[in-house]
């Protein structure tokens, strides 16, 4: 019996939801301690505590373009699994940075780690490949909502991951969460590789001709061509900056006030 387009779409959504939960847990388990690592390397009074989150964000922005091109050539599965695997490698590089107290190694790992965030973001578009026009927003919102569970669960793993890293592998305190993240990212990659079949982008028959593509400058010009577009872009930038600033500052603030261990 041949699966219908609707059957494949339901299966795709289940796979993507699972990947979002695991991928978001990986991000939450490690990014939270990124500022702590920078503080340990540069000192508690360093003004560069936010450089960890900034590096992940830069990696996400850059690699999202690379992964998107990979999807155009080889489908969603190729791009997503590549992103998760590269992010897992980034976790291992970050561990080297933690163990050596090397900011350069640590930031290099964080840049690669941005692949995981990029993959999670691009997975949302994969949810719309086979969705009917009136169901695209609903399909995307399900995948976005699923990431909430991972984002909440991930930080709760920090203390257990620290204990496991120190006890089982003799790692530094903040290496454990990165090792846990690497495991979760590999699970997300395996979930994508084995279960995202058939590939939704390929099944949809979507084609991308050269004339359909825009470079970054063209995209920005198009987005800012109208007042509504400029307002929307400004709102996104301000909201993102506010969110990242609060997320970066909060763990550092808690640590300085003696509340570093907040896991049950």
C-alpha atoms as a PDB file:
ATOM      1  CA  UNK A   1       0.000   0.000   0.000  1.00  0.00           C
ATOM      2  CA  UNK A   2       1.391   3.369  -1.060  1.00  0.00           C
ATOM      3  CA  UNK A   3       1.399   6.115   1.546  1.00  0.00           C
ATOM      4  CA  UNK A   4      -0.524   9.236   0.652  1.00  0.00           C
ATOM      5  CA  UNK A   5       0.979  12.697   0.851  1.00  0.00           C
ATOM      6  CA  UNK A   6      -0.976  13.281   4.075  1.00  0.00           C
ATOM      7  CA  UNK A   7       0.402  10.060   5.610  1.00  0.00           C
ATOM      8  CA  UNK A   8       3.959  11.071   4.790  1.00  0.00           C
ATOM      9  CA  UNK A   9       3.378  14.560   6.202  1.00  0.00           C
ATOM     10  CA  UNK A  10       2.139  13.152   9.507  1.00  0.00           C
ATOM     11  CA  UNK A  11       5.210  10.926   9.749  1.00  0.00           C
ATOM     12  CA  UNK A  12       7.503  13.821   8.853  1.00  0.00           C
ATOM     13  CA  UNK A  13       5.992  15.946  11.616  1.00  0.00           C
ATOM     14  CA  UNK A  14       6.522  13.188  14.185  1.00  0.00           C
ATOM     15  CA  UNK A  15      10.168  12.849  13.180  1.00  0.00           C
ATOM     16  CA  UNK A  16      10.752  16.606  13.211  1.00  0.00           C
ATOM     17  CA  UNK A  17       9.060  17.022  16.590  1.00  0.00           C
ATOM     18  CA  UNK A  18      11.321  14.339  18.063  1.00  0.00           C
ATOM     19  CA  UNK A  19      14.377  15.987  16.559  1.00  0.00           C
ATOM     20  CA  UNK A  20      13.355  19.394  17.886  1.00  0.00           C
ATOM     21  CA  UNK A  21      12.963  18.122  21.440  1.00  0.00           C
ATOM     22  CA  UNK A  22      16.333  16.364  21.449  1.00  0.00           C
ATOM     23  CA  UNK A  23      18.097  19.180  19.593  1.00  0.00           C
ATOM     24  CA  UNK A  24      16.693  21.885  21.865  1.00  0.00           C
ATOM     25  CA  UNK A  25      17.696  19.848  24.925  1.00  0.00           C
ATOM     26  CA  UNK A  26      21.250  19.734  23.584  1.00  0.00           C
ATOM     27  CA  UNK A  27      21.287  23.500  23.171  1.00  0.00           C
ATOM     28  CA  UNK A  28      19.819  24.142  26.609  1.00  0.00           C
ATOM     29  CA  UNK A  29      22.194  21.776  28.373  1.00  0.00           C
ATOM     30  CA  UNK A  30      25.348  23.506  27.196  1.00  0.00           C
ATOM     31  CA  UNK A  31      24.758  27.092  26.102  1.00  0.00           C
ATOM     32  CA  UNK A  32      23.715  27.942  29.662  1.00  0.00           C
ATOM     33  CA  UNK A  33      27.227  27.193  30.954  1.00  0.00           C
ATOM     34  CA  UNK A  34      29.009  28.896  28.052  1.00  0.00           C
ATOM     35  CA  UNK A  35      29.318  32.185  29.919  1.00  0.00           C
ATOM     36  CA  UNK A  36      30.639  30.331  32.967  1.00  0.00           C
ATOM     37  CA  UNK A  37      33.457  28.835  30.910  1.00  0.00           C
ATOM     38  CA  UNK A  38      34.408  32.266  29.570  1.00  0.00           C
ATOM     39  CA  UNK A  39      34.428  33.612  33.126  1.00  0.00           C
ATOM     40  CA  UNK A  40      36.653  30.765  34.298  1.00  0.00           C
ATOM     41  CA  UNK A  41      39.120  31.465  31.493  1.00  0.00           C
ATOM     42  CA  UNK A  42      39.118  35.286  31.590  1.00  0.00           C
ATOM     43  CA  UNK A  43      38.024  35.983  35.174  1.00  0.00           C
ATOM     44  CA  UNK A  44      34.692  36.772  36.849  1.00  0.00           C
ATOM     45  CA  UNK A  45      35.001  40.490  36.113  1.00  0.00           C
ATOM     46  CA  UNK A  46      35.451  40.044  32.364  1.00  0.00           C
ATOM     47  CA  UNK A  47      33.155  42.170  30.187  1.00  0.00           C
ATOM     48  CA  UNK A  48      33.231  39.429  27.528  1.00  0.00           C
ATOM     49  CA  UNK A  49      30.878  36.970  29.214  1.00  0.00           C
ATOM     50  CA  UNK A  50      28.446  37.297  26.321  1.00  0.00           C
ATOM     51  CA  UNK A  51      30.992  36.277  23.701  1.00  0.00           C
ATOM     52  CA  UNK A  52      29.972  32.622  24.050  1.00  0.00           C
ATOM     53  CA  UNK A  53      26.360  33.224  23.051  1.00  0.00           C
ATOM     54  CA  UNK A  54      27.453  35.692  20.361  1.00  0.00           C
ATOM     55  CA  UNK A  55      29.731  33.069  18.818  1.00  0.00           C
ATOM     56  CA  UNK A  56      26.963  30.464  18.754  1.00  0.00           C
ATOM     57  CA  UNK A  57      24.689  33.019  17.101  1.00  0.00           C
ATOM     58  CA  UNK A  58      27.297  33.836  14.453  1.00  0.00           C
ATOM     59  CA  UNK A  59      27.803  30.153  13.768  1.00  0.00           C
ATOM     60  CA  UNK A  60      24.060  29.696  13.435  1.00  0.00           C
ATOM     61  CA  UNK A  61      23.702  32.619  11.019  1.00  0.00           C
ATOM     62  CA  UNK A  62      26.590  31.527   8.813  1.00  0.00           C
ATOM     63  CA  UNK A  63      25.932  27.796   8.796  1.00  0.00           C
ATOM     64  CA  UNK A  64      22.199  28.157   8.191  1.00  0.00           C
ATOM     65  CA  UNK A  65      23.054  29.362   4.694  1.00  0.00           C
ATOM     66  CA  UNK A  66      25.422  26.442   4.138  1.00  0.00           C
ATOM     67  CA  UNK A  67      22.891  23.894   5.376  1.00  0.00           C
ATOM     68  CA  UNK A  68      20.102  25.462   3.325  1.00  0.00           C
ATOM     69  CA  UNK A  69      22.207  25.042   0.185  1.00  0.00           C
ATOM     70  CA  UNK A  70      22.874  21.427   1.157  1.00  0.00           C
ATOM     71  CA  UNK A  71      19.119  20.905   1.405  1.00  0.00           C
ATOM     72  CA  UNK A  72      18.578  22.343  -2.065  1.00  0.00           C
ATOM     73  CA  UNK A  73      21.084  19.863  -3.471  1.00  0.00           C
ATOM     74  CA  UNK A  74      20.329  16.775  -1.391  1.00  0.00           C
ATOM     75  CA  UNK A  75      17.053  17.274   0.455  1.00  0.00           C
ATOM     76  CA  UNK A  76      16.087  18.076   4.022  1.00  0.00           C
ATOM     77  CA  UNK A  77      17.599  14.928   5.491  1.00  0.00           C
ATOM     78  CA  UNK A  78      21.072  15.695   4.167  1.00  0.00           C
ATOM     79  CA  UNK A  79      21.065  19.226   5.546  1.00  0.00           C
ATOM     80  CA  UNK A  80      19.595  18.422   8.952  1.00  0.00           C
ATOM     81  CA  UNK A  81      21.788  15.428   9.727  1.00  0.00           C
ATOM     82  CA  UNK A  82      24.883  17.336   8.601  1.00  0.00           C
ATOM     83  CA  UNK A  83      23.991  20.196  10.929  1.00  0.00           C
ATOM     84  CA  UNK A  84      23.489  17.936  13.919  1.00  0.00           C
ATOM     85  CA  UNK A  85      26.713  15.990  13.314  1.00  0.00           C
ATOM     86  CA  UNK A  86      28.791  19.161  12.894  1.00  0.00           C
ATOM     87  CA  UNK A  87      27.258  20.549  16.084  1.00  0.00           C
ATOM     88  CA  UNK A  88      28.216  17.365  17.951  1.00  0.00           C
ATOM     89  CA  UNK A  89      31.781  17.774  16.690  1.00  0.00           C
ATOM     90  CA  UNK A  90      31.617  21.370  17.914  1.00  0.00           C
ATOM     91  CA  UNK A  91      30.736  20.085  21.390  1.00  0.00           C
ATOM     92  CA  UNK A  92      33.868  17.926  21.417  1.00  0.00           C
ATOM     93  CA  UNK A  93      35.996  20.873  20.278  1.00  0.00           C
ATOM     94  CA  UNK A  94      34.431  22.985  23.046  1.00  0.00           C
ATOM     95  CA  UNK A  95      35.396  20.296  25.570  1.00  0.00           C
ATOM     96  CA  UNK A  96      38.997  20.610  24.408  1.00  0.00           C
ATOM     97  CA  UNK A  97      38.719  24.348  25.064  1.00  0.00           C
ATOM     98  CA  UNK A  98      37.331  23.782  28.556  1.00  0.00           C
ATOM     99  CA  UNK A  99      39.989  21.217  29.463  1.00  0.00           C
ATOM    100  CA  UNK A 100      42.828  23.402  28.154  1.00  0.00           C
ATOM    101  CA  UNK A 101      41.322  26.669  29.400  1.00  0.00           C
ATOM    102  CA  UNK A 102      41.705  27.859  25.818  1.00  0.00           C
ATOM    103  CA  UNK A 103      39.272  30.542  24.709  1.00  0.00           C
ATOM    104  CA  UNK A 104      40.224  30.016  21.052  1.00  0.00           C
ATOM    105  CA  UNK A 105      39.399  26.305  21.106  1.00  0.00           C
ATOM    106  CA  UNK A 106      36.221  26.943  23.057  1.00  0.00           C
ATOM    107  CA  UNK A 107      34.929  29.607  20.679  1.00  0.00           C
ATOM    108  CA  UNK A 108      35.802  27.466  17.654  1.00  0.00           C
ATOM    109  CA  UNK A 109      33.677  24.722  19.163  1.00  0.00           C
ATOM    110  CA  UNK A 110      30.828  27.141  19.798  1.00  0.00           C
ATOM    111  CA  UNK A 111      30.900  28.323  16.195  1.00  0.00           C
ATOM    112  CA  UNK A 112      30.542  24.729  14.997  1.00  0.00           C
ATOM    113  CA  UNK A 113      27.920  24.153  17.668  1.00  0.00           C
ATOM    114  CA  UNK A 114      25.827  26.826  15.945  1.00  0.00           C
ATOM    115  CA  UNK A 115      25.061  24.166  13.326  1.00  0.00           C
ATOM    116  CA  UNK A 116      22.710  22.552  15.822  1.00  0.00           C
ATOM    117  CA  UNK A 117      20.672  25.706  16.244  1.00  0.00           C
ATOM    118  CA  UNK A 118      20.679  26.217  12.481  1.00  0.00           C
ATOM    119  CA  UNK A 119      19.414  22.672  11.919  1.00  0.00           C
ATOM    120  CA  UNK A 120      16.660  23.116  14.490  1.00  0.00           C
ATOM    121  CA  UNK A 121      15.538  26.345  12.838  1.00  0.00           C
ATOM    122  CA  UNK A 122      15.615  24.882   9.322  1.00  0.00           C
ATOM    123  CA  UNK A 123      13.610  21.865  10.472  1.00  0.00           C
ATOM    124  CA  UNK A 124      10.650  24.200  10.853  1.00  0.00           C
ATOM    125  CA  UNK A 125      10.616  24.798   7.116  1.00  0.00           C
ATOM    126  CA  UNK A 126      10.821  21.062   6.465  1.00  0.00           C
ATOM    127  CA  UNK A 127       7.501  20.811   8.286  1.00  0.00           C
ATOM    128  CA  UNK A 128       5.837  22.841   5.520  1.00  0.00           C
ATOM    129  CA  UNK A 129       7.179  20.963   2.486  1.00  0.00           C
ATOM    130  CA  UNK A 130       4.215  18.590   2.222  1.00  0.00           C
ATOM    131  CA  UNK A 131       1.639  20.637   4.118  1.00  0.00           C
ATOM    132  CA  UNK A 132      -1.376  22.025   2.322  1.00  0.00           C
ATOM    133  CA  UNK A 133      -1.305  25.789   1.893  1.00  0.00           C
ATOM    134  CA  UNK A 134      -3.844  26.361   4.675  1.00  0.00           C
ATOM    135  CA  UNK A 135      -1.960  24.049   7.072  1.00  0.00           C
ATOM    136  CA  UNK A 136       1.593  25.358   6.669  1.00  0.00           C
ATOM    137  CA  UNK A 137       1.508  27.734   9.613  1.00  0.00           C
ATOM    138  CA  UNK A 138       0.000  25.033  11.821  1.00  0.00           C
ATOM    139  CA  UNK A 139       2.641  22.491  10.783  1.00  0.00           C
ATOM    140  CA  UNK A 140       5.463  24.921  11.476  1.00  0.00           C
ATOM    141  CA  UNK A 141       3.998  25.952  14.834  1.00  0.00           C
ATOM    142  CA  UNK A 142       3.895  22.329  16.019  1.00  0.00           C
ATOM    143  CA  UNK A 143       7.599  21.953  15.407  1.00  0.00           C
ATOM    144  CA  UNK A 144       8.357  25.301  17.048  1.00  0.00           C
ATOM    145  CA  UNK A 145       6.239  24.374  20.076  1.00  0.00           C
ATOM    146  CA  UNK A 146       8.015  21.020  20.437  1.00  0.00           C
ATOM    147  CA  UNK A 147      11.337  22.783  20.951  1.00  0.00           C
ATOM    148  CA  UNK A 148       9.925  24.253  24.177  1.00  0.00           C
ATOM    149  CA  UNK A 149      10.065  20.862  25.874  1.00  0.00           C
ATOM    150  CA  UNK A 150      13.726  20.414  25.004  1.00  0.00           C
ATOM    151  CA  UNK A 151      14.567  23.976  26.010  1.00  0.00           C
ATOM    152  CA  UNK A 152      13.062  23.365  29.461  1.00  0.00           C
ATOM    153  CA  UNK A 153      14.494  19.863  29.884  1.00  0.00           C
ATOM    154  CA  UNK A 154      18.021  20.685  28.711  1.00  0.00           C
ATOM    155  CA  UNK A 155      19.111  22.997  31.555  1.00  0.00           C
ATOM    156  CA  UNK A 156      17.875  20.439  34.096  1.00  0.00           C
ATOM    157  CA  UNK A 157      20.564  18.084  32.795  1.00  0.00           C
ATOM    158  CA  UNK A 158      23.444  20.400  33.666  1.00  0.00           C
ATOM    159  CA  UNK A 159      24.124  19.143  37.192  1.00  0.00           C
ATOM    160  CA  UNK A 160      23.747  15.419  36.332  1.00  0.00           C
ATOM    161  CA  UNK A 161      25.953  15.939  33.268  1.00  0.00           C
ATOM    162  CA  UNK A 162      28.594  17.693  35.354  1.00  0.00           C
ATOM    163  CA  UNK A 163      28.592  14.813  37.836  1.00  0.00           C
ATOM    164  CA  UNK A 164      28.808  12.198  35.079  1.00  0.00           C
ATOM    165  CA  UNK A 165      31.636  14.018  33.324  1.00  0.00           C
ATOM    166  CA  UNK A 166      33.661  14.372  36.507  1.00  0.00           C
ATOM    167  CA  UNK A 167      32.949  10.895  37.916  1.00  0.00           C
ATOM    168  CA  UNK A 168      33.011   8.714  34.815  1.00  0.00           C
ATOM    169  CA  UNK A 169      35.459  10.525  32.555  1.00  0.00           C
ATOM    170  CA  UNK A 170      37.519  12.735  34.863  1.00  0.00           C
ATOM    171  CA  UNK A 171      36.500  15.872  32.974  1.00  0.00           C
ATOM    172  CA  UNK A 172      36.350  19.442  34.213  1.00  0.00           C
ATOM    173  CA  UNK A 173      33.089  20.623  35.748  1.00  0.00           C
ATOM    174  CA  UNK A 174      31.776  22.370  32.652  1.00  0.00           C
ATOM    175  CA  UNK A 175      32.846  19.704  30.158  1.00  0.00           C
ATOM    176  CA  UNK A 176      30.060  17.329  31.190  1.00  0.00           C
ATOM    177  CA  UNK A 177      27.191  19.410  29.767  1.00  0.00           C
ATOM    178  CA  UNK A 178      28.978  19.658  26.414  1.00  0.00           C
ATOM    179  CA  UNK A 179      29.449  15.900  26.340  1.00  0.00           C
ATOM    180  CA  UNK A 180      25.755  15.415  27.093  1.00  0.00           C
ATOM    181  CA  UNK A 181      24.894  17.833  24.293  1.00  0.00           C
ATOM    182  CA  UNK A 182      27.067  15.871  21.862  1.00  0.00           C
ATOM    183  CA  UNK A 183      25.121  12.714  22.716  1.00  0.00           C
ATOM    184  CA  UNK A 184      21.767  14.433  22.207  1.00  0.00           C
ATOM    185  CA  UNK A 185      22.870  15.934  18.901  1.00  0.00           C
ATOM    186  CA  UNK A 186      23.994  12.536  17.637  1.00  0.00           C
ATOM    187  CA  UNK A 187      20.591  11.152  18.629  1.00  0.00           C
ATOM    188  CA  UNK A 188      18.956  13.952  16.628  1.00  0.00           C
ATOM    189  CA  UNK A 189      21.187  13.101  13.652  1.00  0.00           C
ATOM    190  CA  UNK A 190      20.307   9.398  13.868  1.00  0.00           C
ATOM    191  CA  UNK A 191      16.615  10.246  14.188  1.00  0.00           C
ATOM    192  CA  UNK A 192      16.859  12.305  11.009  1.00  0.00           C
ATOM    193  CA  UNK A 193      18.971   9.805   9.070  1.00  0.00           C
ATOM    194  CA  UNK A 194      16.864   6.726   9.782  1.00  0.00           C
ATOM    195  CA  UNK A 195      13.358   8.138  10.161  1.00  0.00           C
ATOM    196  CA  UNK A 196      13.060  11.139   7.817  1.00  0.00           C
ATOM    197  CA  UNK A 197      12.260   8.899   4.872  1.00  0.00           C
ATOM    198  CA  UNK A 198      11.094   9.674   2.288  1.00  0.00           C
ATOM    199  CA  UNK A 199      12.600  13.133   2.224  1.00  0.00           C
ATOM    200  CA  UNK A 200       9.760  15.698   2.340  1.00  0.00           C
ATOM    201  CA  UNK A 201      11.479  18.205   0.068  1.00  0.00           C
ATOM    202  CA  UNK A 202      12.116  15.581  -2.595  1.00  0.00           C
ATOM    203  CA  UNK A 203       8.574  14.201  -2.341  1.00  0.00           C
ATOM    204  CA  UNK A 204       7.165  17.710  -2.704  1.00  0.00           C
ATOM    205  CA  UNK A 205       8.933  18.029  -6.046  1.00  0.00           C
ATOM    206  CA  UNK A 206      10.146  21.519  -5.205  1.00  0.00           C
ATOM    207  CA  UNK A 207      12.734  22.925  -7.583  1.00  0.00           C
ATOM    208  CA  UNK A 208      15.025  25.870  -7.099  1.00  0.00           C
ATOM    209  CA  UNK A 209      16.072  27.601 -10.266  1.00  0.00           C
ATOM    210  CA  UNK A 210      18.911  30.144 -10.133  1.00  0.00           C
ATOM    211  CA  UNK A 211      16.529  32.988 -10.863  1.00  0.00           C
ATOM    212  CA  UNK A 212      14.477  32.074  -7.788  1.00  0.00           C
ATOM    213  CA  UNK A 213      17.364  32.641  -5.399  1.00  0.00           C
ATOM    214  CA  UNK A 214      18.348  35.886  -3.706  1.00  0.00           C
ATOM    215  CA  UNK A 215      21.623  36.816  -2.130  1.00  0.00           C
ATOM    216  CA  UNK A 216      21.661  38.426   1.303  1.00  0.00           C
ATOM    217  CA  UNK A 217      21.709  42.001  -0.020  1.00  0.00           C
ATOM    218  CA  UNK A 218      18.733  41.354  -2.309  1.00  0.00           C
ATOM    219  CA  UNK A 219      16.807  39.699   0.519  1.00  0.00           C
ATOM    220  CA  UNK A 220      17.373  42.662   2.838  1.00  0.00           C
ATOM    221  CA  UNK A 221      16.360  45.125   0.118  1.00  0.00           C
ATOM    222  CA  UNK A 222      13.167  43.173  -0.523  1.00  0.00           C
ATOM    223  CA  UNK A 223      12.324  42.943   3.178  1.00  0.00           C
ATOM    224  CA  UNK A 224      12.855  46.669   3.718  1.00  0.00           C
ATOM    225  CA  UNK A 225      11.124  47.859   0.564  1.00  0.00           C
ATOM    226  CA  UNK A 226       7.930  48.717   2.457  1.00  0.00           C
ATOM    227  CA  UNK A 227       7.205  50.388   5.786  1.00  0.00           C
ATOM    228  CA  UNK A 228       5.598  47.215   7.121  1.00  0.00           C
ATOM    229  CA  UNK A 229       8.643  45.205   6.107  1.00  0.00           C
ATOM    230  CA  UNK A 230      11.005  47.626   7.840  1.00  0.00           C
ATOM    231  CA  UNK A 231       8.854  47.582  10.980  1.00  0.00           C
ATOM    232  CA  UNK A 232       8.764  43.785  11.038  1.00  0.00           C
ATOM    233  CA  UNK A 233      12.526  43.531  10.561  1.00  0.00           C
ATOM    234  CA  UNK A 234      13.199  46.091  13.297  1.00  0.00           C
ATOM    235  CA  UNK A 235      10.842  44.277  15.671  1.00  0.00           C
ATOM    236  CA  UNK A 236      12.619  40.975  15.047  1.00  0.00           C
ATOM    237  CA  UNK A 237      16.066  42.481  15.624  1.00  0.00           C
ATOM    238  CA  UNK A 238      15.033  44.249  18.844  1.00  0.00           C
ATOM    239  CA  UNK A 239      13.202  41.195  20.188  1.00  0.00           C
ATOM    240  CA  UNK A 240      16.121  38.888  19.405  1.00  0.00           C
ATOM    241  CA  UNK A 241      18.662  41.262  20.951  1.00  0.00           C
ATOM    242  CA  UNK A 242      16.567  41.585  24.108  1.00  0.00           C
ATOM    243  CA  UNK A 243      16.059  37.845  24.420  1.00  0.00           C
ATOM    244  CA  UNK A 244      19.727  36.986  23.914  1.00  0.00           C
ATOM    245  CA  UNK A 245      20.871  39.709  26.322  1.00  0.00           C
ATOM    246  CA  UNK A 246      18.611  38.418  29.098  1.00  0.00           C
ATOM    247  CA  UNK A 247      19.498  34.775  28.424  1.00  0.00           C
ATOM    248  CA  UNK A 248      23.216  35.580  28.517  1.00  0.00           C
ATOM    249  CA  UNK A 249      23.110  37.747  31.617  1.00  0.00           C
ATOM    250  CA  UNK A 250      20.851  35.593  33.781  1.00  0.00           C
ATOM    251  CA  UNK A 251      23.147  32.561  34.348  1.00  0.00           C
ATOM    252  CA  UNK A 252      26.075  34.862  35.159  1.00  0.00           C
ATOM    253  CA  UNK A 253      23.925  36.873  37.570  1.00  0.00           C
ATOM    254  CA  UNK A 254      22.730  33.697  39.310  1.00  0.00           C
ATOM    255  CA  UNK A 255      26.278  32.384  39.608  1.00  0.00           C
ATOM    256  CA  UNK A 256      27.650  35.594  41.108  1.00  0.00           C
ATOM    257  CA  UNK A 257      24.894  35.480  43.740  1.00  0.00           C
ATOM    258  CA  UNK A 258      25.585  31.876  44.696  1.00  0.00           C
ATOM    259  CA  UNK A 259      22.719  30.218  42.819  1.00  0.00           C
ATOM    260  CA  UNK A 260      24.701  28.367  40.176  1.00  0.00           C
ATOM    261  CA  UNK A 261      23.259  24.955  41.080  1.00  0.00           C
ATOM    262  CA  UNK A 262      19.576  25.237  40.192  1.00  0.00           C
ATOM    263  CA  UNK A 263      19.039  21.697  38.896  1.00  0.00           C
ATOM    264  CA  UNK A 264      16.924  19.310  40.983  1.00  0.00           C
END
